[in-house]
Amino acid sequence: MDTLAFVDEAGARGFSRNLTEDRDNEVALFCALVFPADRIDTFRARFEPGYNNFIAAKPEGEKAHITDAFKPGNEEWAAVADEVRSEFYNLVAELEIPIIYEARRLNIERSGHERLEELTAEARASRRSNIKASHRASQSRVEEQLIIGLTLKLDAFCEDFSRQRVDLYFDEIDEPLAKVYRAAIDVTRHVGDKTTTVKGWDPDAKKPVTGEIHIKAQAPIPLDVRFVGDLHVAGKSDPLVLATDVVANSLHYHLRSLPDDAYLNRPSSISGWVLAERVYGVREDAIEDLI
């Protein structure tokens, strides 16, 4: 591992099947700050004074989140947090820390999920076999699409800058959610050659059966990610976790301020944002803004 990506979430999340039209304009975001592994202690030391000031001002019982500092009743903490936030902006710019993010408006996720459910229903209705495939409510989450997109961008970053491996570091996530994230990352490792096991029931033989769906894709460019490693939990006591939290929430606030029909992953999306010049991966043909 020669690269570390500290990752934080901001905005909407949850099961795709539960999304409703009244939430269509909400924005979900995964944001990463990327650091070279051989200089990580140097970067951490630059953010540590601001982190210590932020923690020292934190009221007892509050969580070490930048947004919590601005809740009503935390005015003294908010004053310190505002200074720390400005300090962190300056450090990200001065140290030329890359920012990589994936954002998604919930109407995209909701409509995509509904289309998939419709296609699944049509396929079930037109099946010729008497085998009844197992079916349960979709467990897909908004966060899965975000981490898949972020993983693809991190892999592209490694290729562009000759990095050999990037590992992802989150602040605090429980094991079930970490398992979901790892499974989503694994999807990107097998885009070109994937086998899925399907379970079902044979009513004639009166016994459970299994089958496999094998998909193999060919393209003139590599389809599978090659440079993304494992996922780790960093905890809340790392200054770089707070730095990522500050940047992620600032970016989320900016994206939420855009018109409801504005793109979220293109150069125009970050125009005017305080750290726009540090962002890698935005592009004019970002399909995640469409499907």
Protein backbone atom coordinates (compact mmCIF):
# COMPACT_ATOMS: atom_id res chain seq x y z
CA MET A 1 0.00 0.00 0.00
CA ASP A 2 1.42 3.37 -1.01
CA THR A 3 -1.76 5.49 -0.82
CA LEU A 4 -4.40 6.12 1.84
CA ALA A 5 -7.86 7.50 1.11
CA PHE A 6 -9.73 8.85 4.14
CA VAL A 7 -13.43 8.62 3.29
CA ASP A 8 -16.50 10.26 4.81
CA GLU A 9 -20.19 10.25 3.97
CA ALA A 10 -22.56 13.21 3.94
CA GLY A 11 -26.21 13.60 3.13
CA ALA A 12 -28.80 11.00 2.25
CA ARG A 13 -28.45 7.26 2.72
CA GLY A 14 -30.53 4.12 3.22
CA PHE A 15 -32.28 1.37 1.26
CA SER A 16 -33.04 2.19 -2.37
CA ARG A 17 -36.45 0.49 -2.14
CA ASN A 18 -37.55 3.02 0.49
CA LEU A 19 -36.88 6.15 -1.57
CA THR A 20 -39.89 8.34 -2.34
CA GLU A 21 -40.47 11.20 -4.77
CA ASP A 22 -40.52 13.82 -2.03
CA ARG A 23 -36.82 13.04 -1.41
CA ASP A 24 -35.78 13.23 -5.08
CA ASN A 25 -33.70 16.37 -4.69
CA GLU A 26 -31.68 15.17 -1.70
CA VAL A 27 -27.96 14.66 -2.33
CA ALA A 28 -25.88 11.70 -1.16
CA LEU A 29 -22.10 12.02 -1.10
CA PHE A 30 -18.94 10.01 -0.46
CA CYS A 31 -15.79 12.13 -0.30
CA ALA A 32 -12.13 11.13 0.06
CA LEU A 33 -8.90 12.93 0.87
CA VAL A 34 -5.93 11.09 -0.63
CA PHE A 35 -2.49 10.89 1.01
CA PRO A 36 0.84 9.20 0.20
CA ALA A 37 1.50 6.45 2.75
CA ASP A 38 5.18 7.32 3.20
CA ARG A 39 4.32 10.88 4.30
CA ILE A 40 1.13 10.24 6.22
CA ASP A 41 2.64 11.21 9.60
CA THR A 42 3.82 14.53 8.17
CA PHE A 43 0.35 15.34 6.85
CA ARG A 44 -1.28 14.23 10.10
CA ALA A 45 1.01 16.48 12.13
CA ARG A 46 -0.05 19.53 10.11
CA PHE A 47 -3.72 18.95 10.95
CA GLU A 48 -3.16 17.94 14.57
CA PRO A 49 -3.12 21.43 16.17
CA GLY A 50 -6.49 22.33 14.67
CA TYR A 51 -7.88 18.93 15.61
CA ASN A 52 -6.72 19.39 19.22
CA ASN A 53 -8.35 22.82 19.40
CA PHE A 54 -11.59 21.41 18.01
CA ILE A 55 -11.65 18.54 20.53
CA ALA A 56 -10.70 20.78 23.45
CA ALA A 57 -13.68 23.05 22.70
CA LYS A 58 -16.12 20.15 22.25
CA PRO A 59 -18.76 19.96 25.01
CA GLU A 60 -18.91 16.70 26.92
CA GLY A 61 -21.19 14.17 25.26
CA GLU A 62 -20.99 15.68 21.78
CA LYS A 63 -19.56 13.77 18.83
CA ALA A 64 -16.48 15.00 16.99
CA HIS A 65 -18.41 16.03 13.85
CA ILE A 66 -18.05 19.46 12.28
CA THR A 67 -21.83 19.72 11.82
CA ASP A 68 -22.47 19.04 15.51
CA ALA A 69 -20.42 22.09 16.43
CA PHE A 70 -22.99 24.34 14.77
CA LYS A 71 -26.06 22.98 16.55
CA PRO A 72 -28.00 25.46 18.72
CA GLY A 73 -26.41 25.76 22.14
CA ASN A 74 -22.88 25.09 20.92
CA GLU A 75 -22.01 28.68 20.06
CA GLU A 76 -18.61 28.66 21.81
CA TRP A 77 -17.63 25.42 20.12
CA ALA A 78 -18.94 26.78 16.80
CA ALA A 79 -16.59 29.76 17.00
CA VAL A 80 -13.61 27.42 17.38
CA ALA A 81 -14.95 25.07 14.70
CA ASP A 82 -15.25 27.94 12.23
CA GLU A 83 -11.58 28.81 12.73
CA VAL A 84 -10.51 25.17 12.45
CA ARG A 85 -12.54 24.74 9.27
CA SER A 86 -10.83 27.72 7.63
CA GLU A 87 -7.45 26.41 8.78
CA PHE A 88 -8.18 23.00 7.25
CA TYR A 89 -9.28 24.55 3.94
CA ASN A 90 -5.95 26.36 3.78
CA LEU A 91 -3.99 23.20 4.60
CA VAL A 92 -5.74 21.14 1.92
CA ALA A 93 -4.87 23.83 -0.62
CA GLU A 94 -1.31 24.42 0.62
CA LEU A 95 -0.44 20.71 0.84
CA GLU A 96 -2.13 20.05 -2.53
CA ILE A 97 -4.21 17.18 -1.13
CA PRO A 98 -6.35 15.53 -3.82
CA ILE A 99 -10.11 15.40 -3.21
CA ILE A 100 -12.10 12.64 -4.90
CA TYR A 101 -15.86 12.35 -4.51
CA GLU A 102 -18.96 10.62 -5.81
CA ALA A 103 -22.35 12.32 -5.49
CA ARG A 104 -25.81 11.16 -6.42
CA ARG A 105 -29.19 12.85 -6.40
CA LEU A 106 -31.84 10.53 -5.00
CA ASN A 107 -34.14 10.82 -8.02
CA ILE A 108 -31.41 9.04 -10.04
CA GLU A 109 -31.15 6.25 -7.49
CA ARG A 110 -34.93 5.91 -7.09
CA SER A 111 -35.68 5.78 -10.81
CA GLY A 112 -32.82 3.35 -11.45
CA HIS A 113 -34.06 1.03 -8.72
CA GLU A 114 -37.61 1.16 -10.06
CA ARG A 115 -36.43 0.31 -13.59
CA LEU A 116 -34.49 -2.67 -12.29
CA GLU A 117 -37.53 -3.92 -10.36
CA GLU A 118 -39.69 -3.60 -13.48
CA LEU A 119 -37.18 -5.56 -15.57
CA THR A 120 -36.98 -8.24 -12.91
CA ALA A 121 -40.77 -8.57 -12.80
CA GLU A 122 -40.94 -8.82 -16.61
CA ALA A 123 -38.27 -11.52 -16.65
CA ARG A 124 -40.07 -13.52 -13.98
CA ALA A 125 -43.37 -13.25 -15.86
CA SER A 126 -41.86 -14.47 -19.14
CA ARG A 127 -39.77 -17.34 -17.80
CA ARG A 128 -40.13 -20.69 -19.55
CA SER A 129 -38.74 -22.94 -16.84
CA ASN A 130 -40.90 -24.25 -14.03
CA ILE A 131 -38.06 -23.58 -11.62
CA LYS A 132 -39.03 -20.86 -9.16
CA ALA A 133 -36.06 -18.63 -8.43
CA SER A 134 -35.76 -17.25 -4.93
CA HIS A 135 -36.74 -13.61 -4.62
CA ARG A 136 -36.64 -11.22 -1.71
CA ALA A 137 -36.96 -7.51 -1.28
CA SER A 138 -33.98 -5.60 -2.67
CA GLN A 139 -31.23 -4.95 -0.12
CA SER A 140 -29.56 -2.35 -2.32
CA ARG A 141 -28.50 0.84 -0.55
CA VAL A 142 -27.78 4.34 -1.82
CA GLU A 143 -24.30 4.06 -0.30
CA GLU A 144 -23.41 1.06 -2.49
CA GLN A 145 -23.62 3.07 -5.70
CA LEU A 146 -21.59 5.84 -4.11
CA ILE A 147 -18.75 3.62 -2.96
CA ILE A 148 -18.66 1.82 -6.30
CA GLY A 149 -18.29 5.15 -8.10
CA LEU A 150 -15.70 6.37 -5.61
CA THR A 151 -13.74 3.12 -5.98
CA LEU A 152 -13.61 3.51 -9.76
CA LYS A 153 -12.32 7.06 -9.42
CA LEU A 154 -9.70 6.06 -6.84
CA ASP A 155 -8.51 3.31 -9.17
CA ALA A 156 -8.26 5.78 -12.05
CA PHE A 157 -6.33 8.17 -9.79
CA CYS A 158 -3.81 5.43 -8.97
CA GLU A 159 -3.34 4.65 -12.64
CA ASP A 160 -2.91 8.30 -13.60
CA PHE A 161 -0.37 8.98 -10.84
CA SER A 162 1.44 5.62 -10.85
CA ARG A 163 0.23 4.49 -7.43
CA GLN A 164 0.25 0.77 -6.73
CA ARG A 165 -2.47 0.39 -4.09
CA VAL A 166 -4.94 2.60 -2.23
CA ASP A 167 -6.69 1.51 0.97
CA LEU A 168 -9.86 3.20 2.24
CA TYR A 169 -10.16 4.50 5.81
CA PHE A 170 -13.57 5.34 7.32
CA ASP A 171 -14.18 6.99 10.69
CA GLU A 172 -16.65 4.67 12.44
CA ILE A 173 -18.84 2.08 10.70
CA ASP A 174 -20.26 -1.08 12.20
CA GLU A 175 -19.33 -4.49 10.82
CA PRO A 176 -22.59 -5.13 8.90
CA LEU A 177 -22.19 -1.86 7.00
CA ALA A 178 -18.48 -2.50 6.47
CA LYS A 179 -19.47 -5.85 4.94
CA VAL A 180 -21.86 -4.05 2.55
CA TYR A 181 -19.11 -1.64 1.54
CA ARG A 182 -16.55 -4.40 1.00
CA ALA A 183 -19.04 -6.33 -1.14
CA ALA A 184 -19.68 -3.22 -3.24
CA ILE A 185 -15.95 -2.70 -3.73
CA ASP A 186 -15.62 -6.35 -4.77
CA VAL A 187 -18.18 -5.73 -7.52
CA THR A 188 -15.65 -3.42 -9.18
CA ARG A 189 -13.00 -6.15 -9.14
CA HIS A 190 -15.05 -8.50 -11.35
CA VAL A 191 -16.79 -6.29 -13.91
CA GLY A 192 -15.33 -8.15 -16.88
CA ASP A 193 -15.88 -11.71 -15.67
CA LYS A 194 -18.55 -12.34 -13.07
CA THR A 195 -20.38 -15.46 -11.91
CA THR A 196 -23.50 -15.20 -9.75
CA THR A 197 -25.10 -18.17 -7.97
CA VAL A 198 -28.90 -18.25 -8.04
CA LYS A 199 -30.99 -20.42 -5.72
CA GLY A 200 -34.46 -21.75 -6.55
CA TRP A 201 -37.04 -24.49 -6.10
CA ASP A 202 -37.92 -27.34 -8.46
CA PRO A 203 -41.64 -28.09 -7.90
CA ASP A 204 -41.49 -31.34 -9.87
CA ALA A 205 -38.55 -32.80 -7.97
CA LYS A 206 -39.67 -31.03 -4.80
CA LYS A 207 -36.16 -29.94 -3.88
CA PRO A 208 -34.01 -26.80 -3.82
CA VAL A 209 -31.74 -26.21 -6.80
CA THR A 210 -28.94 -23.80 -7.67
CA GLY A 211 -27.70 -22.36 -10.92
CA GLU A 212 -25.10 -19.92 -12.14
CA ILE A 213 -25.25 -16.81 -14.29
CA HIS A 214 -21.92 -16.09 -15.94
CA ILE A 215 -21.29 -12.70 -17.55
CA LYS A 216 -18.08 -12.04 -19.48
CA ALA A 217 -17.42 -8.65 -21.04
CA GLN A 218 -14.68 -7.58 -23.42
CA ALA A 219 -13.41 -4.06 -24.01
CA PRO A 220 -10.27 -2.37 -25.35
CA ILE A 221 -9.59 -1.00 -21.84
CA PRO A 222 -9.36 -2.74 -18.43
CA LEU A 223 -12.81 -3.14 -16.84
CA ASP A 224 -11.82 -4.35 -13.37
CA VAL A 225 -10.21 -2.13 -10.74
CA ARG A 226 -6.60 -3.06 -10.15
CA PHE A 227 -5.25 -0.73 -7.49
CA VAL A 228 -7.90 -0.63 -4.74
CA GLY A 229 -7.07 -2.57 -1.59
CA ASP A 230 -8.97 -3.07 1.66
CA LEU A 231 -11.33 -1.05 3.84
CA HIS A 232 -10.31 -0.04 7.37
CA VAL A 233 -11.92 1.74 10.32
CA ALA A 234 -9.75 4.63 11.49
CA GLY A 235 -11.90 5.82 14.41
CA LYS A 236 -12.55 9.40 15.49
CA SER A 237 -9.18 10.22 17.06
CA ASP A 238 -7.28 10.80 13.81
CA PRO A 239 -6.91 14.45 12.70
CA LEU A 240 -7.23 13.33 9.08
CA VAL A 241 -10.67 11.88 9.84
CA LEU A 242 -11.82 15.30 11.04
CA ALA A 243 -10.23 16.96 8.01
CA THR A 244 -12.19 14.65 5.71
CA ASP A 245 -15.37 15.32 7.68
CA VAL A 246 -14.88 19.08 7.24
CA VAL A 247 -14.27 18.79 3.49
CA ALA A 248 -17.12 16.32 2.89
CA ASN A 249 -19.69 18.45 4.68
CA SER A 250 -18.52 21.62 2.95
CA LEU A 251 -18.81 19.93 -0.44
CA HIS A 252 -22.22 18.49 0.42
CA TYR A 253 -23.46 21.93 1.45
CA HIS A 254 -22.21 23.35 -1.86
CA LEU A 255 -23.85 20.61 -3.97
CA ARG A 256 -27.14 20.99 -2.10
CA SER A 257 -27.13 24.70 -2.92
CA LEU A 258 -27.17 23.98 -6.67
CA PRO A 259 -30.43 24.02 -8.67
CA ASP A 260 -32.42 20.79 -8.46
CA ASP A 261 -31.59 19.91 -12.08
CA ALA A 262 -27.87 20.68 -11.79
CA TYR A 263 -25.26 17.99 -12.40
CA LEU A 264 -23.27 16.84 -9.36
CA ASN A 265 -20.13 15.21 -10.78
CA ARG A 266 -18.98 17.60 -13.52
CA PRO A 267 -16.60 20.58 -13.55
CA SER A 268 -19.57 22.93 -13.41
CA SER A 269 -20.76 21.16 -10.24
CA ILE A 270 -17.85 22.45 -8.16
CA SER A 271 -17.52 25.88 -9.74
CA GLY A 272 -17.24 28.43 -6.96
CA TRP A 273 -16.57 25.87 -4.21
CA VAL A 274 -13.69 26.85 -1.93
CA LEU A 275 -11.60 23.73 -2.74
CA ALA A 276 -12.63 23.20 -6.35
CA GLU A 277 -9.04 23.28 -7.60
CA ARG A 278 -8.11 20.26 -5.49
CA VAL A 279 -10.79 17.95 -6.96
CA TYR A 280 -9.84 15.01 -9.17
CA GLY A 281 -12.32 13.01 -11.24
CA VAL A 282 -15.04 15.43 -12.31
CA ARG A 283 -15.74 15.20 -16.04
CA GLU A 284 -18.22 16.47 -18.59
CA ASP A 285 -19.51 12.99 -19.49
CA ALA A 286 -20.21 11.82 -15.91
CA ILE A 287 -22.86 9.14 -16.42
CA GLU A 288 -23.58 8.95 -12.68
CA ASP A 289 -25.55 12.16 -13.16
CA LEU A 290 -27.83 10.37 -15.63
CA ILE A 291 -28.30 6.74 -14.53
